[in-house]
Every structure is written in C-alpha cells, then in structure tokens.
N, C-alpha and C. Protein backbone atom coordinates (compact mmCIF):
# COMPACT_ATOMS: atom_id res chain seq x y z
N MET A 1 -6.84 -10.20 12.28
CA MET A 1 -6.16 -8.93 12.17
C MET A 1 -6.83 -8.09 11.07
N LYS A 2 -7.03 -6.84 11.37
CA LYS A 2 -7.66 -5.94 10.41
C LYS A 2 -6.60 -5.44 9.42
N LEU A 3 -6.90 -5.56 8.14
CA LEU A 3 -5.94 -5.13 7.12
C LEU A 3 -5.80 -3.61 7.07
N LEU A 4 -6.89 -2.88 7.35
CA LEU A 4 -6.84 -1.43 7.25
C LEU A 4 -7.59 -0.76 8.41
N PRO A 5 -6.91 -0.54 9.52
CA PRO A 5 -7.55 0.19 10.63
C PRO A 5 -7.87 1.63 10.20
N LYS A 6 -8.86 2.22 10.84
CA LYS A 6 -9.31 3.57 10.47
C LYS A 6 -8.20 4.61 10.58
N ASP A 7 -7.35 4.51 11.60
CA ASP A 7 -6.28 5.50 11.74
C ASP A 7 -5.28 5.41 10.59
N LEU A 8 -5.01 4.21 10.10
CA LEU A 8 -4.11 4.05 8.96
C LEU A 8 -4.77 4.59 7.69
N LEU A 9 -6.06 4.35 7.51
CA LEU A 9 -6.78 4.90 6.36
C LEU A 9 -6.67 6.42 6.35
N ARG A 10 -6.87 7.06 7.49
CA ARG A 10 -6.78 8.53 7.57
C ARG A 10 -5.39 9.02 7.19
N LYS A 11 -4.35 8.34 7.65
CA LYS A 11 -2.98 8.73 7.31
C LYS A 11 -2.73 8.59 5.81
N LEU A 12 -3.22 7.50 5.23
CA LEU A 12 -3.05 7.29 3.79
C LEU A 12 -3.84 8.31 2.98
N GLN A 13 -5.05 8.64 3.42
CA GLN A 13 -5.85 9.66 2.73
C GLN A 13 -5.18 11.02 2.79
N ALA A 14 -4.47 11.31 3.86
CA ALA A 14 -3.79 12.60 4.01
C ALA A 14 -2.66 12.76 3.01
N GLN A 15 -2.22 11.68 2.37
CA GLN A 15 -1.19 11.77 1.34
C GLN A 15 -1.78 11.72 -0.07
N ASP A 16 -3.10 11.56 -0.18
CA ASP A 16 -3.77 11.54 -1.48
C ASP A 16 -3.96 12.98 -1.94
N PRO A 17 -3.36 13.37 -3.08
CA PRO A 17 -3.45 14.77 -3.51
C PRO A 17 -4.87 15.23 -3.79
N TYR A 18 -5.80 14.29 -4.01
CA TYR A 18 -7.18 14.66 -4.35
C TYR A 18 -8.13 14.58 -3.17
N HIS A 19 -7.66 14.11 -2.03
CA HIS A 19 -8.50 14.02 -0.84
C HIS A 19 -8.55 15.38 -0.15
N PRO A 20 -9.69 15.75 0.45
CA PRO A 20 -9.79 17.05 1.14
C PRO A 20 -8.71 17.28 2.20
N THR A 21 -8.24 16.21 2.85
CA THR A 21 -7.19 16.38 3.86
C THR A 21 -5.79 16.21 3.27
N GLY A 22 -5.72 15.97 1.96
CA GLY A 22 -4.44 15.72 1.30
C GLY A 22 -3.64 16.99 1.07
N PRO A 23 -2.46 16.84 0.47
CA PRO A 23 -1.55 17.97 0.28
C PRO A 23 -1.99 18.94 -0.81
N GLY A 24 -2.96 18.57 -1.64
CA GLY A 24 -3.44 19.47 -2.69
C GLY A 24 -2.54 19.51 -3.91
N ARG A 25 -1.55 18.64 -3.97
CA ARG A 25 -0.64 18.56 -5.12
C ARG A 25 -0.02 17.17 -5.15
N GLU A 26 0.51 16.82 -6.30
CA GLU A 26 1.23 15.55 -6.41
C GLU A 26 2.52 15.65 -5.60
N LEU A 27 2.79 14.65 -4.80
CA LEU A 27 4.03 14.61 -4.02
C LEU A 27 5.15 14.00 -4.85
N ARG A 28 6.36 14.44 -4.60
CA ARG A 28 7.53 13.82 -5.23
C ARG A 28 7.84 12.51 -4.51
N LYS A 29 8.55 11.61 -5.19
CA LYS A 29 8.87 10.31 -4.59
C LYS A 29 9.69 10.44 -3.31
N ASP A 30 10.46 11.54 -3.20
CA ASP A 30 11.25 11.73 -1.98
C ASP A 30 10.42 12.33 -0.85
N GLU A 31 9.15 12.68 -1.15
CA GLU A 31 8.23 13.20 -0.12
C GLU A 31 7.20 12.15 0.29
N GLU A 32 6.90 11.23 -0.61
CA GLU A 32 5.86 10.24 -0.36
C GLU A 32 6.34 9.20 0.64
N LEU A 33 5.63 9.09 1.73
CA LEU A 33 5.95 8.06 2.72
C LEU A 33 5.15 6.79 2.43
N VAL A 34 5.84 5.68 2.44
CA VAL A 34 5.18 4.38 2.34
C VAL A 34 4.73 4.04 3.75
N LEU A 35 3.43 4.14 3.99
CA LEU A 35 2.89 4.04 5.34
C LEU A 35 2.43 2.64 5.74
N ALA A 36 2.23 1.77 4.75
CA ALA A 36 1.71 0.44 5.07
C ALA A 36 2.33 -0.61 4.17
N LYS A 37 2.43 -1.81 4.72
CA LYS A 37 2.95 -2.96 3.97
C LYS A 37 2.07 -4.17 4.27
N TRP A 38 1.66 -4.86 3.20
CA TRP A 38 0.93 -6.12 3.32
C TRP A 38 1.70 -7.18 2.57
N PHE A 39 1.56 -8.43 2.98
CA PHE A 39 2.31 -9.51 2.34
C PHE A 39 1.54 -10.81 2.43
N THR A 40 1.88 -11.73 1.53
CA THR A 40 1.35 -13.08 1.61
C THR A 40 2.38 -13.93 2.35
N PRO A 41 2.01 -14.54 3.46
CA PRO A 41 2.97 -15.33 4.23
C PRO A 41 3.41 -16.61 3.52
N ASP A 42 2.63 -17.05 2.54
CA ASP A 42 2.95 -18.31 1.86
C ASP A 42 3.15 -18.13 0.35
N ALA A 43 3.45 -16.92 -0.06
CA ALA A 43 3.75 -16.63 -1.47
C ALA A 43 4.72 -15.45 -1.48
N ASN A 44 5.12 -15.04 -2.63
CA ASN A 44 6.16 -14.02 -2.73
C ASN A 44 5.59 -12.69 -3.21
N TRP A 45 4.52 -12.22 -2.63
CA TRP A 45 3.91 -10.95 -3.03
C TRP A 45 3.88 -10.00 -1.84
N THR A 46 4.17 -8.72 -2.14
CA THR A 46 4.15 -7.68 -1.12
C THR A 46 3.56 -6.41 -1.73
N TRP A 47 2.70 -5.75 -0.98
CA TRP A 47 2.09 -4.49 -1.40
C TRP A 47 2.48 -3.40 -0.41
N TYR A 48 2.86 -2.24 -0.93
CA TYR A 48 3.25 -1.09 -0.11
C TYR A 48 2.35 0.08 -0.51
N ALA A 49 1.74 0.75 0.46
CA ALA A 49 0.80 1.83 0.16
C ALA A 49 1.36 3.19 0.56
N VAL A 50 1.18 4.14 -0.36
CA VAL A 50 1.57 5.53 -0.14
C VAL A 50 0.34 6.37 0.17
N SER A 51 -0.74 6.14 -0.57
CA SER A 51 -1.96 6.93 -0.37
C SER A 51 -3.18 6.05 -0.61
N ALA A 52 -4.33 6.57 -0.21
CA ALA A 52 -5.57 5.81 -0.37
C ALA A 52 -6.73 6.76 -0.62
N SER A 53 -7.70 6.25 -1.37
CA SER A 53 -8.96 6.96 -1.54
C SER A 53 -10.08 5.93 -1.45
N GLN A 54 -11.18 6.35 -0.85
CA GLN A 54 -12.29 5.43 -0.63
C GLN A 54 -13.39 5.73 -1.63
N ASP A 55 -13.86 4.70 -2.31
CA ASP A 55 -14.96 4.83 -3.25
C ASP A 55 -16.24 5.06 -2.46
N GLU A 56 -16.91 6.17 -2.74
CA GLU A 56 -18.12 6.51 -1.98
C GLU A 56 -19.23 5.51 -2.18
N GLU A 57 -19.34 4.97 -3.38
CA GLU A 57 -20.44 4.07 -3.68
C GLU A 57 -20.25 2.68 -3.06
N SER A 58 -19.09 2.08 -3.29
CA SER A 58 -18.86 0.71 -2.82
C SER A 58 -18.24 0.64 -1.43
N GLY A 59 -17.55 1.71 -1.02
CA GLY A 59 -16.85 1.70 0.26
C GLY A 59 -15.47 1.07 0.17
N ASP A 60 -15.15 0.49 -1.00
CA ASP A 60 -13.84 -0.12 -1.19
C ASP A 60 -12.76 0.96 -1.20
N VAL A 61 -11.55 0.59 -0.86
CA VAL A 61 -10.44 1.54 -0.78
C VAL A 61 -9.42 1.21 -1.86
N GLN A 62 -9.05 2.25 -2.61
CA GLN A 62 -8.01 2.10 -3.63
C GLN A 62 -6.72 2.71 -3.11
N PHE A 63 -5.64 1.96 -3.24
CA PHE A 63 -4.32 2.42 -2.79
C PHE A 63 -3.46 2.75 -3.99
N PHE A 64 -2.55 3.71 -3.79
CA PHE A 64 -1.46 3.91 -4.73
C PHE A 64 -0.20 3.49 -4.01
N GLY A 65 0.64 2.72 -4.70
CA GLY A 65 1.88 2.31 -4.08
C GLY A 65 2.70 1.41 -4.97
N LEU A 66 3.50 0.61 -4.33
CA LEU A 66 4.42 -0.29 -5.03
C LEU A 66 4.00 -1.72 -4.76
N VAL A 67 3.98 -2.52 -5.81
CA VAL A 67 3.65 -3.94 -5.69
C VAL A 67 4.86 -4.75 -6.11
N ASP A 68 5.26 -5.68 -5.27
CA ASP A 68 6.40 -6.55 -5.55
C ASP A 68 5.86 -7.97 -5.64
N GLY A 69 5.70 -8.43 -6.87
CA GLY A 69 5.17 -9.77 -7.11
C GLY A 69 5.98 -10.44 -8.20
N LEU A 70 5.38 -10.58 -9.37
CA LEU A 70 6.12 -11.11 -10.51
C LEU A 70 7.21 -10.13 -10.93
N GLU A 71 6.94 -8.85 -10.73
CA GLU A 71 7.91 -7.78 -10.95
C GLU A 71 7.59 -6.66 -9.99
N VAL A 72 8.46 -5.68 -9.90
CA VAL A 72 8.23 -4.54 -9.02
C VAL A 72 7.66 -3.41 -9.86
N GLU A 73 6.50 -2.89 -9.46
CA GLU A 73 5.90 -1.82 -10.24
C GLU A 73 5.06 -0.90 -9.36
N LEU A 74 4.99 0.36 -9.79
CA LEU A 74 4.11 1.34 -9.15
C LEU A 74 2.74 1.21 -9.76
N GLY A 75 1.71 1.41 -8.95
CA GLY A 75 0.37 1.35 -9.49
C GLY A 75 -0.68 1.39 -8.40
N TYR A 76 -1.88 1.01 -8.80
CA TYR A 76 -3.03 1.04 -7.91
C TYR A 76 -3.48 -0.38 -7.59
N PHE A 77 -3.98 -0.57 -6.39
CA PHE A 77 -4.56 -1.84 -5.98
C PHE A 77 -5.67 -1.55 -4.98
N TRP A 78 -6.57 -2.51 -4.81
CA TRP A 78 -7.77 -2.33 -3.99
C TRP A 78 -7.70 -3.17 -2.71
N LEU A 79 -8.32 -2.66 -1.67
CA LEU A 79 -8.44 -3.41 -0.42
C LEU A 79 -9.17 -4.73 -0.66
N SER A 80 -10.21 -4.70 -1.47
CA SER A 80 -10.97 -5.93 -1.75
C SER A 80 -10.08 -6.99 -2.41
N GLU A 81 -9.11 -6.57 -3.21
CA GLU A 81 -8.17 -7.52 -3.80
C GLU A 81 -7.31 -8.17 -2.72
N LEU A 82 -6.81 -7.34 -1.81
CA LEU A 82 -5.98 -7.88 -0.72
C LEU A 82 -6.78 -8.87 0.13
N GLU A 83 -8.05 -8.58 0.32
CA GLU A 83 -8.90 -9.46 1.14
C GLU A 83 -9.16 -10.80 0.46
N ARG A 84 -9.14 -10.82 -0.88
CA ARG A 84 -9.42 -12.05 -1.63
C ARG A 84 -8.19 -12.92 -1.87
N VAL A 85 -7.01 -12.31 -1.92
CA VAL A 85 -5.79 -13.04 -2.29
C VAL A 85 -5.46 -14.12 -1.27
N ARG A 86 -5.05 -15.26 -1.78
CA ARG A 86 -4.57 -16.36 -0.95
C ARG A 86 -3.29 -16.89 -1.58
N GLY A 87 -2.36 -17.29 -0.73
CA GLY A 87 -1.11 -17.88 -1.22
C GLY A 87 -1.26 -19.36 -1.48
N LYS A 88 -0.13 -20.02 -1.69
CA LYS A 88 -0.11 -21.45 -2.04
C LYS A 88 -0.78 -22.34 -1.00
N LEU A 89 -0.68 -21.95 0.26
CA LEU A 89 -1.28 -22.76 1.33
C LEU A 89 -2.66 -22.26 1.75
N GLY A 90 -3.17 -21.28 1.01
CA GLY A 90 -4.49 -20.74 1.32
C GLY A 90 -4.51 -19.69 2.41
N LEU A 91 -3.33 -19.20 2.80
CA LEU A 91 -3.27 -18.19 3.87
C LEU A 91 -3.62 -16.81 3.32
N PRO A 92 -4.33 -16.00 4.11
CA PRO A 92 -4.70 -14.66 3.65
C PRO A 92 -3.53 -13.68 3.77
N VAL A 93 -3.69 -12.55 3.11
CA VAL A 93 -2.73 -11.45 3.20
C VAL A 93 -2.72 -10.92 4.63
N GLU A 94 -1.55 -10.53 5.10
CA GLU A 94 -1.40 -9.95 6.44
C GLU A 94 -0.77 -8.57 6.32
N ARG A 95 -1.09 -7.72 7.28
CA ARG A 95 -0.44 -6.40 7.37
C ARG A 95 0.79 -6.54 8.25
N ASP A 96 1.88 -5.93 7.82
CA ASP A 96 3.12 -5.94 8.61
C ASP A 96 2.94 -4.95 9.77
N LEU A 97 2.76 -5.47 10.95
CA LEU A 97 2.50 -4.64 12.13
C LEU A 97 3.74 -3.88 12.59
N TYR A 98 4.90 -4.29 12.11
CA TYR A 98 6.16 -3.68 12.54
C TYR A 98 6.79 -2.81 11.45
N TRP A 99 6.02 -2.52 10.42
CA TRP A 99 6.52 -1.72 9.30
C TRP A 99 6.86 -0.31 9.76
N GLU A 100 8.05 0.15 9.41
CA GLU A 100 8.49 1.51 9.70
C GLU A 100 8.44 2.31 8.40
N PRO A 101 7.64 3.37 8.34
CA PRO A 101 7.51 4.13 7.10
C PRO A 101 8.86 4.65 6.59
N ILE A 102 9.02 4.55 5.26
CA ILE A 102 10.18 5.13 4.58
C ILE A 102 9.66 5.83 3.33
N THR A 103 10.49 6.64 2.71
CA THR A 103 10.04 7.32 1.50
C THR A 103 9.99 6.33 0.34
N LEU A 104 9.13 6.65 -0.61
CA LEU A 104 8.96 5.77 -1.77
C LEU A 104 10.26 5.64 -2.55
N ASP A 105 11.01 6.72 -2.70
CA ASP A 105 12.26 6.62 -3.46
C ASP A 105 13.26 5.69 -2.77
N LYS A 106 13.31 5.70 -1.45
CA LYS A 106 14.22 4.78 -0.74
C LYS A 106 13.79 3.32 -0.90
N LEU A 107 12.48 3.08 -0.83
CA LEU A 107 11.98 1.72 -1.02
C LEU A 107 12.32 1.24 -2.43
N MET A 108 12.13 2.10 -3.42
CA MET A 108 12.43 1.72 -4.80
C MET A 108 13.93 1.43 -4.97
N GLU A 109 14.77 2.21 -4.33
CA GLU A 109 16.22 1.95 -4.38
C GLU A 109 16.54 0.59 -3.77
N GLU A 110 15.92 0.27 -2.63
CA GLU A 110 16.14 -1.02 -1.97
C GLU A 110 15.72 -2.17 -2.88
N LYS A 111 14.58 -2.02 -3.54
CA LYS A 111 14.08 -3.07 -4.43
C LYS A 111 14.99 -3.24 -5.63
N GLU A 112 15.52 -2.13 -6.18
CA GLU A 112 16.43 -2.22 -7.32
C GLU A 112 17.73 -2.92 -6.93
N ARG A 113 18.24 -2.62 -5.74
CA ARG A 113 19.48 -3.27 -5.28
C ARG A 113 19.27 -4.77 -5.07
N ALA A 114 18.09 -5.14 -4.61
CA ALA A 114 17.80 -6.55 -4.32
C ALA A 114 17.55 -7.37 -5.60
N ALA A 115 17.22 -6.68 -6.69
CA ALA A 115 16.88 -7.39 -7.94
C ALA A 115 18.10 -7.98 -8.63
C-alpha cells in the first residue's frame, strides 16, 4: 500500500499556506481539514496530516498535523520517518484507507476527551 498517493499529496499541498496552490494565509483550526491518517498496527502511534510540502532537493514530504504517540501534539513530521517506523512486531506504518476528513479542532477535542 502506498503511504502517500499523488492525489492525496495534491490535496494536502492545497492546504499549505506557502504552496502556490495553497490558501495564501494561515488557516484557523476550524478551517483546517485533517485529510490523512497513518498508524502503526502493532504500536500505539497515529499521525494525522493537515498540509504537506515537498522538499525540492530530496523529494521528501513534510507534513503538518497532529501526532498521537507518547503524548498528543501538533507539529511536523516527514514521509521518510513514516516509511522507517516499525512497531513492536516489525510491522510498517499503514494509511487509514477509510479515514473521513474532519477539522483539526474537532480532532483535538476528540483527543482531549479520550485522554
């Protein structure tokens, strides 16, 4: 399974305020859609992406979003990191194929309630 299909990359880039196809401004949390979710099937880590930018030199993709691991935090993570991560049983990260986009503020509320 491909972690980042081209159509998903384009959607994520369209939410990057600095990308030519982006909104041209910082989005509020109630505007930012969480478009992708990745998880470790054999560990307790989940990554949610709001936007993406591709490094021209390396081709690697940097995401902005929410990471739920040791704690829940907003920040940046790389596609190459997701490709390298393995859980306790050595299983790779998978993309949630059934993920339904929600706003970042709603996801954060859900995570706070679950904590």
